[in-house]
Structure formats: C-alpha cells, structure tokens
Amino acid sequence: IRGMQLGFRAMSNTYGNWELPQFDQQIRDLAVFGGNAIELVAGFDREAPGDLTMPSLDNMAGVSGLAASYGLDVWLWTPAREHNYSDPALVARTLGEWEKIFRAVPRIDGIYVPGGDPGDTPPELLLPLAERQAALLRKYHPRAGVWISVQGFNRAHLDYFFDYLRTRQPDWLAGVIQSSWTDLTIAQIRERTPARYPIRSLSLIHISEPTRLR
C-alpha cells in the first residue's frame, strides 16, 4: 500500500479549500509518482458549512469516483467518535452515519477504524461496533474489509484485543493496523496477531501544505 490521506475537513489547511478539480490533479500526481491508494476522512458534516467548499459526503463520493477512474484503491478512515458506545442510541446514530457514507461512495476497498486519536473506545465496545459496521459495509461493497488499529490502547486494552483475535478469529476483520500512539512495533504486533490477519503499517509524515488564498 502506497497511499496518502486526503482529509477533506476544516482541520486541514488545504483540502477543505479545494474543489474536485484540485483533488483530481492531486490524485493524478500521486499515481504518477507511484501511489496506488488514497484515504478519505469520514466526515459527518458536523463542522460549520462555511468551513468547507462542499458537503463532506459530496466530496467523499466525488473523490472516490476520481480515484476509481484511475485504478487507485480507496480507503475510508472511520473513527468511532462518540463517548459511550454502551448507549444504544449512540450506536444507532454512528451506524446510520456510516451506512449513509457506504451507500453514497462508489468505491471503498478498506476502512480504517482507529482504536484512539480520536475515539478512545475500549475494545470490548469497539469490536462489537466494528462487527456491525462490517456487515453494513458488505451490503454496499462486498469485497471491502474492516481494519482496526491498536493506537491509543493501554496494556489492558491490548491484552483484550489480541485475546479476542486469538480466541474468536473473527471472519469480519480484514487486518490490523500499526500506527502512531502505540508502543508496539510491527514485529510485536505480528507476534501477537493470528497469522490469518495481515498488518498494515501507517507512517505519518508531517508536511507543509500550501493554503489557497481566498
């Protein structure tokens, strides 16, 4: 995987100012230099409308279609943002938002569920939620998989997560992500993860993004 996150949100000082032609140019540039995937941010339009050039769902659908037209894989970053997923109402709200995205976005090859930063949902609540998320994903993208990162997990959470994988061997899980905010190396994650699950490494590179002046 040689990909880059194109995070259309007000937090970015570039992408939130772009229209689809700028994303088209960026995707083509990435492809020319060896990129084979992009990652979208699952925005739920909770930011002020004036902060972005279009609704986030329109952006996800448009950028996914552009990437698909050039043969690039499309990943979707889907943090579990609510504070208490023991509340059925919050579970229903999150699943409804995710399904709306899955239905609208034309291509999704994988989704990335962070264990933290943001979210911080303990694995005993996150894993059942992700299992239901995977079922929704397969309705619209049968070949896409759910990947979970161990970022933000403390030692007890890590023990629970890897014990869950070892004892239950869930079919709905596609793989595990090694990311920031974890003390585990890729080798340590590989040692604790059943062999059936591949591991994706996420490297964060902080770059200066030129802002388009208005």
C-alpha atoms as a PDB file:
ATOM      1  CA  ILE A   1       0.000   0.000   0.000  1.00  0.00           C
ATOM      2  CA  ARG A   2       1.433   3.345  -1.073  1.00  0.00           C
ATOM      3  CA  GLY A   3      -1.269   5.782  -0.128  1.00  0.00           C
ATOM      4  CA  MET A   4      -1.992   9.233   1.216  1.00  0.00           C
ATOM      5  CA  GLN A   5      -4.867  10.603   3.240  1.00  0.00           C
ATOM      6  CA  LEU A   6      -6.756  13.415   1.506  1.00  0.00           C
ATOM      7  CA  GLY A   7      -8.549  14.733   4.571  1.00  0.00           C
ATOM      8  CA  PHE A   8     -11.404  16.993   3.489  1.00  0.00           C
ATOM      9  CA  ARG A   9     -12.189  18.782   6.755  1.00  0.00           C
ATOM     10  CA  ALA A  10     -11.712  22.166   8.344  1.00  0.00           C
ATOM     11  CA  MET A  11      -8.756  20.843  10.372  1.00  0.00           C
ATOM     12  CA  SER A  12      -6.688  20.680   7.186  1.00  0.00           C
ATOM     13  CA  ASN A  13      -5.290  23.945   5.880  1.00  0.00           C
ATOM     14  CA  THR A  14      -5.550  22.798   2.262  1.00  0.00           C
ATOM     15  CA  TYR A  15      -8.114  20.157   1.329  1.00  0.00           C
ATOM     16  CA  GLY A  16     -11.099  21.944   2.838  1.00  0.00           C
ATOM     17  CA  ASN A  17     -10.473  24.766   0.355  1.00  0.00           C
ATOM     18  CA  TRP A  18     -10.365  22.511  -2.707  1.00  0.00           C
ATOM     19  CA  GLU A  19     -12.978  21.721  -5.324  1.00  0.00           C
ATOM     20  CA  LEU A  20     -12.969  18.394  -7.174  1.00  0.00           C
ATOM     21  CA  PRO A  21     -10.587  19.559  -9.974  1.00  0.00           C
ATOM     22  CA  GLN A  22      -7.844  20.133  -7.376  1.00  0.00           C
ATOM     23  CA  PHE A  23      -8.415  16.649  -5.958  1.00  0.00           C
ATOM     24  CA  ASP A  24      -8.283  15.237  -9.485  1.00  0.00           C
ATOM     25  CA  GLN A  25      -4.871  16.839 -10.042  1.00  0.00           C
ATOM     26  CA  GLN A  26      -3.591  15.609  -6.663  1.00  0.00           C
ATOM     27  CA  ILE A  27      -4.711  12.033  -7.319  1.00  0.00           C
ATOM     28  CA  ARG A  28      -3.070  12.006 -10.758  1.00  0.00           C
ATOM     29  CA  ASP A  29       0.159  13.389  -9.290  1.00  0.00           C
ATOM     30  CA  LEU A  30       0.160  10.697  -6.603  1.00  0.00           C
ATOM     31  CA  ALA A  31      -0.416   7.992  -9.221  1.00  0.00           C
ATOM     32  CA  VAL A  32       2.405   9.259 -11.432  1.00  0.00           C
ATOM     33  CA  PHE A  33       4.832   9.022  -8.518  1.00  0.00           C
ATOM     34  CA  GLY A  34       3.788   5.505  -7.516  1.00  0.00           C
ATOM     35  CA  GLY A  35       0.740   5.987  -5.302  1.00  0.00           C
ATOM     36  CA  ASN A  36      -1.815   3.198  -5.508  1.00  0.00           C
ATOM     37  CA  ALA A  37      -4.327   4.249  -2.833  1.00  0.00           C
ATOM     38  CA  ILE A  38      -5.949   7.247  -1.207  1.00  0.00           C
ATOM     39  CA  GLU A  39      -7.656   7.501   2.142  1.00  0.00           C
ATOM     40  CA  LEU A  40     -10.748   9.602   2.755  1.00  0.00           C
ATOM     41  CA  VAL A  41     -11.893  11.025   6.078  1.00  0.00           C
ATOM     42  CA  ALA A  42     -15.426  10.007   7.034  1.00  0.00           C
ATOM     43  CA  GLY A  43     -16.849  13.443   7.695  1.00  0.00           C
ATOM     44  CA  PHE A  44     -20.342  13.704   9.080  1.00  0.00           C
ATOM     45  CA  ASP A  45     -20.986  17.374   8.270  1.00  0.00           C
ATOM     46  CA  ARG A  46     -20.630  18.334  11.923  1.00  0.00           C
ATOM     47  CA  GLU A  47     -18.393  21.252  11.030  1.00  0.00           C
ATOM     48  CA  ALA A  48     -19.690  24.679  10.095  1.00  0.00           C
ATOM     49  CA  PRO A  49     -20.825  24.667   6.414  1.00  0.00           C
ATOM     50  CA  GLY A  50     -18.747  27.754   5.685  1.00  0.00           C
ATOM     51  CA  ASP A  51     -15.560  25.893   6.587  1.00  0.00           C
ATOM     52  CA  LEU A  52     -15.713  23.622   3.525  1.00  0.00           C
ATOM     53  CA  THR A  53     -16.274  24.082  -0.201  1.00  0.00           C
ATOM     54  CA  MET A  54     -18.977  21.395  -0.361  1.00  0.00           C
ATOM     55  CA  PRO A  55     -20.771  18.895   1.878  1.00  0.00           C
ATOM     56  CA  SER A  56     -18.336  16.230   3.046  1.00  0.00           C
ATOM     57  CA  LEU A  57     -20.472  13.420   1.629  1.00  0.00           C
ATOM     58  CA  ASP A  58     -20.377  15.009  -1.826  1.00  0.00           C
ATOM     59  CA  ASN A  59     -16.606  15.252  -1.552  1.00  0.00           C
ATOM     60  CA  MET A  60     -16.193  11.617  -0.496  1.00  0.00           C
ATOM     61  CA  ALA A  61     -18.363  10.411  -3.361  1.00  0.00           C
ATOM     62  CA  GLY A  62     -16.609  12.622  -5.911  1.00  0.00           C
ATOM     63  CA  VAL A  63     -13.045  11.889  -4.826  1.00  0.00           C
ATOM     64  CA  SER A  64     -13.757   8.150  -4.568  1.00  0.00           C
ATOM     65  CA  GLY A  65     -15.051   8.192  -8.128  1.00  0.00           C
ATOM     66  CA  LEU A  66     -11.953  10.030  -9.346  1.00  0.00           C
ATOM     67  CA  ALA A  67      -9.625   7.554  -7.652  1.00  0.00           C
ATOM     68  CA  ALA A  68     -11.577   4.630  -9.059  1.00  0.00           C
ATOM     69  CA  SER A  69     -11.320   6.078 -12.576  1.00  0.00           C
ATOM     70  CA  TYR A  70      -7.507   5.926 -12.283  1.00  0.00           C
ATOM     71  CA  GLY A  71      -7.472   2.454 -10.742  1.00  0.00           C
ATOM     72  CA  LEU A  72      -6.454   3.547  -7.240  1.00  0.00           C
ATOM     73  CA  ASP A  73      -7.763   1.827  -4.121  1.00  0.00           C
ATOM     74  CA  VAL A  74      -9.962   3.870  -1.805  1.00  0.00           C
ATOM     75  CA  TRP A  75      -9.698   3.627   1.963  1.00  0.00           C
ATOM     76  CA  LEU A  76     -12.005   5.314   4.425  1.00  0.00           C
ATOM     77  CA  TRP A  77     -10.933   6.483   7.893  1.00  0.00           C
ATOM     78  CA  THR A  78     -13.919   5.933  10.191  1.00  0.00           C
ATOM     79  CA  PRO A  79     -13.259   6.840  13.824  1.00  0.00           C
ATOM     80  CA  ALA A  80     -15.791   5.849  16.475  1.00  0.00           C
ATOM     81  CA  ARG A  81     -16.322   9.384  17.741  1.00  0.00           C
ATOM     82  CA  GLU A  82     -18.997   9.033  20.417  1.00  0.00           C
ATOM     83  CA  HIS A  83     -18.000   8.880  24.073  1.00  0.00           C
ATOM     84  CA  ASN A  84     -20.146   5.971  25.249  1.00  0.00           C
ATOM     85  CA  TYR A  85     -20.998   3.112  22.924  1.00  0.00           C
ATOM     86  CA  SER A  86     -22.809   1.294  25.683  1.00  0.00           C
ATOM     87  CA  ASP A  87     -25.677   3.665  24.789  1.00  0.00           C
ATOM     88  CA  PRO A  88     -27.809   2.017  22.051  1.00  0.00           C
ATOM     89  CA  ALA A  89     -28.877   5.420  20.740  1.00  0.00           C
ATOM     90  CA  LEU A  90     -25.273   6.412  20.064  1.00  0.00           C
ATOM     91  CA  VAL A  91     -24.573   3.053  18.428  1.00  0.00           C
ATOM     92  CA  ALA A  92     -27.569   3.556  16.122  1.00  0.00           C
ATOM     93  CA  ARG A  93     -26.504   7.104  15.304  1.00  0.00           C
ATOM     94  CA  THR A  94     -22.973   6.047  14.354  1.00  0.00           C
ATOM     95  CA  LEU A  95     -24.100   3.069  12.281  1.00  0.00           C
ATOM     96  CA  GLY A  96     -26.624   5.257  10.476  1.00  0.00           C
ATOM     97  CA  GLU A  97     -23.941   7.805   9.600  1.00  0.00           C
ATOM     98  CA  TRP A  98     -21.610   5.094   8.353  1.00  0.00           C
ATOM     99  CA  GLU A  99     -24.301   3.444   6.242  1.00  0.00           C
ATOM    100  CA  LYS A 100     -25.114   6.780   4.609  1.00  0.00           C
ATOM    101  CA  ILE A 101     -21.474   7.056   3.558  1.00  0.00           C
ATOM    102  CA  PHE A 102     -21.178   3.444   2.385  1.00  0.00           C
ATOM    103  CA  ARG A 103     -24.265   3.904   0.223  1.00  0.00           C
ATOM    104  CA  ALA A 104     -23.067   7.132  -1.393  1.00  0.00           C
ATOM    105  CA  VAL A 105     -19.376   6.435  -2.010  1.00  0.00           C
ATOM    106  CA  PRO A 106     -18.876   4.467  -5.245  1.00  0.00           C
ATOM    107  CA  ARG A 107     -15.649   2.679  -4.323  1.00  0.00           C
ATOM    108  CA  ILE A 108     -14.342   1.523  -0.951  1.00  0.00           C
ATOM    109  CA  ASP A 109     -11.632  -1.131  -0.681  1.00  0.00           C
ATOM    110  CA  GLY A 110     -10.992  -0.922   3.047  1.00  0.00           C
ATOM    111  CA  ILE A 111     -11.942   1.051   6.113  1.00  0.00           C
ATOM    112  CA  TYR A 112      -9.608   2.073   8.916  1.00  0.00           C
ATOM    113  CA  VAL A 113     -11.071   2.126  12.431  1.00  0.00           C
ATOM    114  CA  PRO A 114      -8.660   3.816  14.886  1.00  0.00           C
ATOM    115  CA  GLY A 115      -8.567   2.484  18.408  1.00  0.00           C
ATOM    116  CA  GLY A 116      -7.908   6.042  19.552  1.00  0.00           C
ATOM    117  CA  ASP A 117      -6.982   9.546  18.411  1.00  0.00           C
ATOM    118  CA  PRO A 118      -9.878  10.103  18.150  1.00  0.00           C
ATOM    119  CA  GLY A 119     -12.391   7.744  19.677  1.00  0.00           C
ATOM    120  CA  ASP A 120     -10.737   6.150  22.687  1.00  0.00           C
ATOM    121  CA  THR A 121     -13.430   3.484  22.777  1.00  0.00           C
ATOM    122  CA  PRO A 122     -12.306   0.399  24.720  1.00  0.00           C
ATOM    123  CA  PRO A 123     -12.052  -2.742  22.572  1.00  0.00           C
ATOM    124  CA  GLU A 124     -14.860  -4.526  24.426  1.00  0.00           C
ATOM    125  CA  LEU A 125     -17.209  -1.873  22.960  1.00  0.00           C
ATOM    126  CA  LEU A 126     -15.312  -1.077  19.767  1.00  0.00           C
ATOM    127  CA  LEU A 127     -15.109  -4.643  18.441  1.00  0.00           C
ATOM    128  CA  PRO A 128     -18.878  -5.365  18.522  1.00  0.00           C
ATOM    129  CA  LEU A 129     -19.477  -1.977  16.906  1.00  0.00           C
ATOM    130  CA  ALA A 130     -16.930  -2.724  14.169  1.00  0.00           C
ATOM    131  CA  GLU A 131     -18.547  -6.107  13.542  1.00  0.00           C
ATOM    132  CA  ARG A 132     -21.861  -4.385  12.836  1.00  0.00           C
ATOM    133  CA  GLN A 133     -20.018  -1.824  10.736  1.00  0.00           C
ATOM    134  CA  ALA A 134     -18.509  -4.627   8.653  1.00  0.00           C
ATOM    135  CA  ALA A 135     -21.956  -6.078   7.953  1.00  0.00           C
ATOM    136  CA  LEU A 136     -23.161  -2.689   6.696  1.00  0.00           C
ATOM    137  CA  LEU A 137     -20.044  -2.263   4.587  1.00  0.00           C
ATOM    138  CA  ARG A 138     -20.555  -5.611   2.843  1.00  0.00           C
ATOM    139  CA  LYS A 139     -24.072  -4.579   1.783  1.00  0.00           C
ATOM    140  CA  TYR A 140     -22.625  -1.911  -0.497  1.00  0.00           C
ATOM    141  CA  HIS A 141     -19.005  -3.001  -1.001  1.00  0.00           C
ATOM    142  CA  PRO A 142     -18.861  -6.801  -0.705  1.00  0.00           C
ATOM    143  CA  ARG A 143     -15.103  -7.033  -1.241  1.00  0.00           C
ATOM    144  CA  ALA A 144     -14.122  -4.310   1.239  1.00  0.00           C
ATOM    145  CA  GLY A 145     -12.685  -5.116   4.652  1.00  0.00           C
ATOM    146  CA  VAL A 146     -12.557  -3.566   8.112  1.00  0.00           C
ATOM    147  CA  TRP A 147      -9.118  -2.931   9.614  1.00  0.00           C
ATOM    148  CA  ILE A 148      -8.576  -1.857  13.226  1.00  0.00           C
ATOM    149  CA  SER A 149      -5.568  -0.028  14.641  1.00  0.00           C
ATOM    150  CA  VAL A 150      -4.294  -0.543  18.165  1.00  0.00           C
ATOM    151  CA  GLN A 151      -3.386   3.119  18.592  1.00  0.00           C
ATOM    152  CA  GLY A 152      -4.485   4.561  21.910  1.00  0.00           C
ATOM    153  CA  PHE A 153      -4.919   1.173  23.601  1.00  0.00           C
ATOM    154  CA  ASN A 154      -3.354   0.773  27.028  1.00  0.00           C
ATOM    155  CA  ARG A 155      -1.894  -2.551  28.157  1.00  0.00           C
ATOM    156  CA  ALA A 156      -5.230  -3.953  29.344  1.00  0.00           C
ATOM    157  CA  HIS A 157      -6.901  -2.946  26.091  1.00  0.00           C
ATOM    158  CA  LEU A 158      -4.120  -4.512  24.049  1.00  0.00           C
ATOM    159  CA  ASP A 159      -4.423  -7.766  26.007  1.00  0.00           C
ATOM    160  CA  TYR A 160      -8.188  -7.826  25.452  1.00  0.00           C
ATOM    161  CA  PHE A 161      -7.835  -7.049  21.730  1.00  0.00           C
ATOM    162  CA  PHE A 162      -5.259  -9.712  20.940  1.00  0.00           C
ATOM    163  CA  ASP A 163      -7.003 -12.290  23.116  1.00  0.00           C
ATOM    164  CA  TYR A 164     -10.211 -11.584  21.177  1.00  0.00           C
ATOM    165  CA  LEU A 165      -8.417 -12.184  17.880  1.00  0.00           C
ATOM    166  CA  ARG A 166      -6.742 -15.354  19.118  1.00  0.00           C
ATOM    167  CA  THR A 167      -9.803 -16.976  20.683  1.00  0.00           C
ATOM    168  CA  ARG A 168     -12.559 -15.835  18.317  1.00  0.00           C
ATOM    169  CA  GLN A 169     -10.725 -15.495  14.977  1.00  0.00           C
ATOM    170  CA  PRO A 170     -13.439 -13.115  13.672  1.00  0.00           C
ATOM    171  CA  ASP A 171     -14.199 -13.506   9.977  1.00  0.00           C
ATOM    172  CA  TRP A 172     -15.400  -9.925   9.667  1.00  0.00           C
ATOM    173  CA  LEU A 173     -11.963  -8.470  10.473  1.00  0.00           C
ATOM    174  CA  ALA A 174      -9.666  -7.952   7.481  1.00  0.00           C
ATOM    175  CA  GLY A 175      -6.482  -6.947   9.292  1.00  0.00           C
ATOM    176  CA  VAL A 176      -4.669  -4.922  11.949  1.00  0.00           C
ATOM    177  CA  ILE A 177      -3.033  -1.510  11.573  1.00  0.00           C
ATOM    178  CA  GLN A 178       0.189  -0.398  13.238  1.00  0.00           C
ATOM    179  CA  SER A 179       0.010   3.352  13.700  1.00  0.00           C
ATOM    180  CA  SER A 180       1.064   6.186  15.953  1.00  0.00           C
ATOM    181  CA  TRP A 181       0.124   6.360  19.641  1.00  0.00           C
ATOM    182  CA  THR A 182       1.208   2.782  20.344  1.00  0.00           C
ATOM    183  CA  ASP A 183       4.398   1.437  21.891  1.00  0.00           C
ATOM    184  CA  LEU A 184       4.215  -1.795  19.899  1.00  0.00           C
ATOM    185  CA  THR A 185       6.480  -2.337  16.920  1.00  0.00           C
ATOM    186  CA  ILE A 186       5.286  -4.078  13.783  1.00  0.00           C
ATOM    187  CA  ALA A 187       7.198  -7.192  14.874  1.00  0.00           C
ATOM    188  CA  GLN A 188       5.447  -7.209  18.250  1.00  0.00           C
ATOM    189  CA  ILE A 189       2.037  -6.764  16.646  1.00  0.00           C
ATOM    190  CA  ARG A 190       2.835  -9.561  14.189  1.00  0.00           C
ATOM    191  CA  GLU A 191       3.824 -11.854  17.053  1.00  0.00           C
ATOM    192  CA  ARG A 192       0.553 -11.254  18.897  1.00  0.00           C
ATOM    193  CA  THR A 193      -1.753 -11.281  15.853  1.00  0.00           C
ATOM    194  CA  PRO A 194      -3.001 -14.573  14.381  1.00  0.00           C
ATOM    195  CA  ALA A 195      -1.294 -15.338  11.076  1.00  0.00           C
ATOM    196  CA  ARG A 196      -4.551 -15.119   9.111  1.00  0.00           C
ATOM    197  CA  TYR A 197      -4.668 -11.331   9.584  1.00  0.00           C
ATOM    198  CA  PRO A 198      -2.314  -9.121   7.568  1.00  0.00           C
ATOM    199  CA  ILE A 199      -0.812  -5.992   9.119  1.00  0.00           C
ATOM    200  CA  ARG A 200      -0.806  -2.558   7.556  1.00  0.00           C
ATOM    201  CA  SER A 201       1.802  -0.031   8.658  1.00  0.00           C
ATOM    202  CA  LEU A 202       0.793   3.602   8.807  1.00  0.00           C
ATOM    203  CA  SER A 203       3.608   6.126   8.608  1.00  0.00           C
ATOM    204  CA  LEU A 204       2.752   9.726   9.453  1.00  0.00           C
ATOM    205  CA  ILE A 205       4.672  12.332   7.525  1.00  0.00           C
ATOM    206  CA  HIS A 206       4.019  15.933   8.511  1.00  0.00           C
ATOM    207  CA  ILE A 207       4.397  18.251   5.544  1.00  0.00           C
ATOM    208  CA  SER A 208       3.734  21.913   4.958  1.00  0.00           C
ATOM    209  CA  GLU A 209       0.540  22.323   2.943  1.00  0.00           C
ATOM    210  CA  PRO A 210       0.187  25.459   0.813  1.00  0.00           C
ATOM    211  CA  THR A 211      -3.121  27.173   1.534  1.00  0.00           C
ATOM    212  CA  ARG A 212      -5.098  28.631  -1.330  1.00  0.00           C
ATOM    213  CA  LEU A 213      -5.737  32.298  -0.641  1.00  0.00           C
ATOM    214  CA  ARG A 214      -9.327  33.420  -0.893  1.00  0.00           C
END
